[in-house]
N, C-alpha and C. Protein backbone atom coordinates (compact mmCIF):
# COMPACT_ATOMS: atom_id res chain seq x y z
N GLN A 1 -17.23 -7.71 41.70
CA GLN A 1 -15.98 -7.02 41.39
C GLN A 1 -15.23 -7.75 40.27
N GLN A 2 -15.35 -9.06 40.24
CA GLN A 2 -14.67 -9.83 39.20
C GLN A 2 -15.27 -9.51 37.83
N GLN A 3 -16.62 -9.28 37.80
CA GLN A 3 -17.26 -8.92 36.54
C GLN A 3 -16.74 -7.58 36.04
N GLN A 4 -16.58 -6.61 36.94
CA GLN A 4 -16.07 -5.30 36.55
C GLN A 4 -14.66 -5.42 36.00
N SER A 5 -13.84 -6.24 36.63
CA SER A 5 -12.47 -6.44 36.18
C SER A 5 -12.44 -7.07 34.80
N SER A 6 -13.30 -8.05 34.58
CA SER A 6 -13.37 -8.73 33.28
C SER A 6 -13.85 -7.76 32.20
N SER A 7 -14.85 -6.96 32.53
CA SER A 7 -15.38 -5.98 31.59
C SER A 7 -14.31 -4.93 31.25
N SER A 8 -13.58 -4.50 32.27
CA SER A 8 -12.52 -3.52 32.07
C SER A 8 -11.41 -4.08 31.18
N THR A 9 -11.06 -5.35 31.39
CA THR A 9 -10.03 -6.00 30.57
C THR A 9 -10.49 -6.10 29.13
N GLN A 10 -11.75 -6.44 28.90
CA GLN A 10 -12.28 -6.54 27.54
C GLN A 10 -12.25 -5.17 26.86
N GLN A 11 -12.61 -4.13 27.60
CA GLN A 11 -12.58 -2.78 27.04
C GLN A 11 -11.15 -2.38 26.67
N GLN A 12 -10.19 -2.72 27.53
CA GLN A 12 -8.79 -2.40 27.24
C GLN A 12 -8.32 -3.15 26.00
N GLN A 13 -8.70 -4.43 25.87
CA GLN A 13 -8.31 -5.21 24.69
C GLN A 13 -8.93 -4.63 23.44
N GLN A 14 -10.21 -4.25 23.52
CA GLN A 14 -10.89 -3.67 22.36
C GLN A 14 -10.22 -2.36 21.97
N HIS A 15 -9.90 -1.54 22.96
CA HIS A 15 -9.22 -0.26 22.70
C HIS A 15 -7.86 -0.51 22.04
N GLY A 16 -7.14 -1.51 22.54
CA GLY A 16 -5.84 -1.86 21.96
C GLY A 16 -5.97 -2.31 20.51
N ASN A 17 -7.00 -3.11 20.22
CA ASN A 17 -7.25 -3.56 18.85
C ASN A 17 -7.60 -2.39 17.95
N GLU A 18 -8.41 -1.46 18.46
CA GLU A 18 -8.79 -0.29 17.66
C GLU A 18 -7.56 0.57 17.36
N GLN A 19 -6.68 0.74 18.34
CA GLN A 19 -5.46 1.51 18.12
C GLN A 19 -4.56 0.83 17.09
N LYS A 20 -4.47 -0.50 17.15
CA LYS A 20 -3.65 -1.25 16.20
C LYS A 20 -4.20 -1.07 14.79
N GLN A 21 -5.52 -1.16 14.64
CA GLN A 21 -6.14 -0.99 13.32
C GLN A 21 -5.93 0.42 12.80
N GLN A 22 -6.05 1.42 13.70
CA GLN A 22 -5.85 2.80 13.30
C GLN A 22 -4.40 3.02 12.85
N HIS A 23 -3.45 2.45 13.57
CA HIS A 23 -2.04 2.56 13.20
C HIS A 23 -1.79 1.90 11.84
N GLN A 24 -2.37 0.71 11.63
CA GLN A 24 -2.20 0.02 10.34
C GLN A 24 -2.77 0.87 9.21
N HIS A 25 -3.93 1.50 9.45
CA HIS A 25 -4.56 2.31 8.42
C HIS A 25 -3.69 3.52 8.08
N GLN A 26 -3.13 4.19 9.10
CA GLN A 26 -2.25 5.33 8.87
C GLN A 26 -0.99 4.89 8.12
N HIS A 27 -0.42 3.76 8.54
CA HIS A 27 0.77 3.21 7.89
C HIS A 27 0.45 2.86 6.44
N GLN A 28 -0.73 2.29 6.20
CA GLN A 28 -1.14 1.90 4.86
C GLN A 28 -1.25 3.14 3.98
N ASN A 29 -1.88 4.21 4.47
CA ASN A 29 -2.02 5.43 3.67
C ASN A 29 -0.66 6.02 3.33
N GLN A 30 0.26 6.01 4.29
CA GLN A 30 1.61 6.53 4.06
C GLN A 30 2.31 5.73 2.97
N GLN A 31 2.23 4.41 3.07
CA GLN A 31 2.95 3.57 2.13
C GLN A 31 2.29 3.53 0.76
N GLU A 32 0.98 3.66 0.68
CA GLU A 32 0.30 3.63 -0.61
C GLU A 32 0.63 4.85 -1.44
N SER A 33 0.95 5.96 -0.80
CA SER A 33 1.22 7.19 -1.54
C SER A 33 2.46 7.06 -2.43
N ASP A 34 3.38 6.16 -2.11
CA ASP A 34 4.57 6.01 -2.94
C ASP A 34 4.60 4.67 -3.69
N LEU A 35 3.43 4.06 -3.86
CA LEU A 35 3.36 2.81 -4.63
C LEU A 35 3.18 3.11 -6.11
N LEU A 36 3.55 2.15 -6.93
CA LEU A 36 3.31 2.28 -8.36
C LEU A 36 1.80 2.30 -8.59
N PRO A 37 1.35 2.99 -9.64
CA PRO A 37 -0.08 3.05 -9.93
C PRO A 37 -0.69 1.64 -10.05
N GLY A 38 -1.88 1.50 -9.47
CA GLY A 38 -2.59 0.22 -9.54
C GLY A 38 -2.32 -0.70 -8.37
N TRP A 39 -1.28 -0.45 -7.60
CA TRP A 39 -0.93 -1.31 -6.47
C TRP A 39 -1.52 -0.77 -5.18
N LYS A 40 -1.94 -1.67 -4.30
CA LYS A 40 -2.46 -1.32 -2.98
C LYS A 40 -1.73 -2.12 -1.92
N LEU A 41 -1.55 -1.51 -0.78
CA LEU A 41 -1.01 -2.20 0.38
C LEU A 41 -2.19 -2.82 1.12
N VAL A 42 -2.13 -4.13 1.36
CA VAL A 42 -3.23 -4.86 2.00
C VAL A 42 -2.65 -5.67 3.15
N TYR A 43 -3.47 -5.96 4.14
CA TYR A 43 -3.03 -6.77 5.28
C TYR A 43 -3.80 -8.07 5.33
N THR A 44 -3.11 -9.15 5.67
CA THR A 44 -3.78 -10.44 5.83
C THR A 44 -4.74 -10.35 7.00
N LYS A 45 -5.77 -11.17 6.97
CA LYS A 45 -6.77 -11.16 8.05
C LYS A 45 -6.43 -12.21 9.09
N THR A 46 -5.22 -12.14 9.56
CA THR A 46 -4.74 -13.06 10.59
C THR A 46 -4.31 -12.23 11.79
N PRO A 47 -4.12 -12.84 12.94
CA PRO A 47 -3.70 -12.06 14.11
C PRO A 47 -2.41 -11.26 13.89
N ARG A 48 -1.50 -11.79 13.07
CA ARG A 48 -0.24 -11.07 12.81
C ARG A 48 -0.40 -9.96 11.79
N ALA A 49 -1.45 -10.01 10.99
CA ALA A 49 -1.74 -8.99 9.98
C ALA A 49 -0.52 -8.62 9.14
N ARG A 50 -0.04 -9.57 8.35
CA ARG A 50 1.12 -9.32 7.48
C ARG A 50 0.73 -8.46 6.28
N ALA A 51 1.61 -7.54 5.92
CA ALA A 51 1.37 -6.66 4.78
C ALA A 51 1.77 -7.36 3.48
N PHE A 52 0.95 -7.15 2.43
CA PHE A 52 1.33 -7.59 1.10
C PHE A 52 0.79 -6.59 0.10
N TYR A 53 1.17 -6.72 -1.14
CA TYR A 53 0.81 -5.76 -2.18
C TYR A 53 -0.07 -6.45 -3.21
N TYR A 54 -1.11 -5.73 -3.68
CA TYR A 54 -2.07 -6.31 -4.61
C TYR A 54 -2.38 -5.34 -5.73
N ASN A 55 -2.42 -5.87 -6.95
CA ASN A 55 -2.79 -5.09 -8.12
C ASN A 55 -3.99 -5.79 -8.77
N ALA A 56 -5.16 -5.18 -8.66
CA ALA A 56 -6.40 -5.79 -9.15
C ALA A 56 -6.40 -5.93 -10.68
N SER A 57 -5.90 -4.92 -11.40
CA SER A 57 -5.92 -5.01 -12.86
C SER A 57 -4.99 -6.09 -13.39
N LEU A 58 -3.90 -6.35 -12.68
CA LEU A 58 -2.98 -7.42 -13.07
C LEU A 58 -3.35 -8.76 -12.44
N LYS A 59 -4.28 -8.73 -11.47
CA LYS A 59 -4.66 -9.92 -10.69
C LYS A 59 -3.42 -10.58 -10.10
N LYS A 60 -2.61 -9.73 -9.46
CA LYS A 60 -1.33 -10.19 -8.92
C LYS A 60 -1.16 -9.69 -7.49
N SER A 61 -0.61 -10.56 -6.64
CA SER A 61 -0.25 -10.15 -5.28
C SER A 61 1.17 -10.61 -5.01
N GLN A 62 1.84 -9.88 -4.13
CA GLN A 62 3.21 -10.24 -3.78
C GLN A 62 3.56 -9.67 -2.42
N TRP A 63 4.54 -10.30 -1.77
CA TRP A 63 4.97 -9.87 -0.44
C TRP A 63 5.88 -8.65 -0.51
N THR A 64 6.66 -8.53 -1.58
CA THR A 64 7.63 -7.43 -1.68
C THR A 64 6.99 -6.23 -2.39
N LYS A 65 7.44 -5.06 -2.01
CA LYS A 65 6.92 -3.83 -2.58
C LYS A 65 7.28 -3.76 -4.08
N PRO A 66 6.28 -3.50 -4.92
CA PRO A 66 6.59 -3.42 -6.36
C PRO A 66 7.42 -2.17 -6.66
N THR A 67 8.42 -2.35 -7.48
CA THR A 67 9.29 -1.23 -7.85
C THR A 67 9.49 -1.21 -9.36
N LEU A 68 9.91 -0.07 -9.85
CA LEU A 68 10.22 0.07 -11.27
C LEU A 68 11.62 -0.47 -11.52
N PRO A 69 11.85 -0.94 -12.74
CA PRO A 69 13.22 -1.34 -13.08
C PRO A 69 14.16 -0.13 -12.96
N THR A 70 15.43 -0.39 -12.79
CA THR A 70 16.43 0.66 -12.63
C THR A 70 16.37 1.66 -13.78
N GLY A 71 16.42 2.94 -13.42
CA GLY A 71 16.45 4.01 -14.42
C GLY A 71 15.09 4.60 -14.75
N TRP A 72 14.01 3.94 -14.38
CA TRP A 72 12.67 4.41 -14.70
C TRP A 72 12.09 5.26 -13.57
N THR A 73 11.34 6.31 -13.96
CA THR A 73 10.66 7.15 -12.99
C THR A 73 9.20 7.34 -13.44
N VAL A 74 8.33 7.62 -12.48
CA VAL A 74 6.90 7.83 -12.76
C VAL A 74 6.63 9.32 -12.81
N HIS A 75 5.81 9.74 -13.77
CA HIS A 75 5.45 11.15 -13.92
C HIS A 75 3.97 11.25 -14.27
N LYS A 76 3.42 12.47 -14.11
CA LYS A 76 2.04 12.75 -14.51
C LYS A 76 2.06 13.86 -15.55
N THR A 77 1.18 13.75 -16.54
CA THR A 77 1.09 14.81 -17.54
C THR A 77 0.55 16.07 -16.87
N LYS A 78 0.84 17.21 -17.46
CA LYS A 78 0.39 18.49 -16.89
C LYS A 78 -0.92 18.91 -17.54
N THR A 79 -1.79 17.95 -17.72
CA THR A 79 -3.12 18.20 -18.27
C THR A 79 -4.15 17.95 -17.17
N PRO A 80 -5.38 18.39 -17.37
CA PRO A 80 -6.39 18.15 -16.33
C PRO A 80 -6.56 16.66 -15.97
N ARG A 81 -6.34 15.79 -16.94
CA ARG A 81 -6.48 14.34 -16.69
C ARG A 81 -5.33 13.77 -15.88
N GLN A 82 -4.18 14.40 -15.93
CA GLN A 82 -2.98 13.95 -15.22
C GLN A 82 -2.69 12.46 -15.46
N ARG A 83 -2.52 12.11 -16.71
CA ARG A 83 -2.19 10.71 -17.05
C ARG A 83 -0.80 10.36 -16.55
N ILE A 84 -0.65 9.13 -16.14
CA ILE A 84 0.64 8.66 -15.64
C ILE A 84 1.46 8.12 -16.81
N PHE A 85 2.75 8.48 -16.83
CA PHE A 85 3.66 7.92 -17.83
C PHE A 85 5.00 7.63 -17.16
N TYR A 86 5.83 6.90 -17.87
CA TYR A 86 7.12 6.44 -17.33
C TYR A 86 8.23 6.95 -18.23
N PHE A 87 9.35 7.34 -17.59
CA PHE A 87 10.47 7.91 -18.33
C PHE A 87 11.77 7.29 -17.86
N ASN A 88 12.63 6.98 -18.84
CA ASN A 88 13.96 6.48 -18.54
C ASN A 88 14.95 7.40 -19.24
N GLN A 89 15.64 8.22 -18.45
CA GLN A 89 16.56 9.20 -19.01
C GLN A 89 17.72 8.53 -19.74
N GLY A 90 18.26 7.46 -19.16
CA GLY A 90 19.40 6.77 -19.77
C GLY A 90 19.07 6.20 -21.14
N LEU A 91 17.82 5.76 -21.31
CA LEU A 91 17.39 5.21 -22.60
C LEU A 91 16.72 6.26 -23.48
N ALA A 92 16.51 7.45 -22.93
CA ALA A 92 15.77 8.52 -23.62
C ALA A 92 14.43 7.98 -24.12
N LYS A 93 13.72 7.30 -23.23
CA LYS A 93 12.48 6.63 -23.62
C LYS A 93 11.34 7.03 -22.68
N THR A 94 10.18 7.28 -23.25
CA THR A 94 8.96 7.58 -22.51
C THR A 94 7.91 6.59 -22.96
N GLN A 95 7.08 6.12 -22.01
CA GLN A 95 6.01 5.19 -22.38
C GLN A 95 4.85 5.28 -21.39
N TRP A 96 3.66 4.87 -21.83
CA TRP A 96 2.47 4.87 -20.99
C TRP A 96 2.39 3.62 -20.11
N GLU A 97 2.88 2.50 -20.62
CA GLU A 97 2.79 1.22 -19.90
C GLU A 97 3.86 1.13 -18.81
N VAL A 98 3.54 0.41 -17.75
CA VAL A 98 4.52 0.19 -16.68
C VAL A 98 5.67 -0.61 -17.26
N PRO A 99 6.90 -0.10 -17.14
CA PRO A 99 8.05 -0.84 -17.69
C PRO A 99 8.32 -2.12 -16.90
N THR A 100 8.73 -3.14 -17.63
CA THR A 100 9.04 -4.43 -16.98
C THR A 100 10.53 -4.72 -16.99
N GLU A 101 11.31 -4.02 -17.80
CA GLU A 101 12.76 -4.23 -17.84
C GLU A 101 13.49 -2.90 -17.79
């Protein structure tokens, strides 16, 4: 009977871990949809699984969510390629590169 109890506990723990991973994956997909292009939401491989942000092309990672400087918005061209560009209405400026200021 003790073996059955131990086996049942292991199954419950495994199920709990699977649910946690599934929740993290759903949360990751939700949060990635509003990230700046090139950035991904990633989790540390530790028991606490802390979230951080990573941009492979910039070879940069950070704990805080990357944001555009004030006044800038992200847009896509209305062409089949749907290129991403950035617009600042206050400056009347459009550019292809991610704005830094």
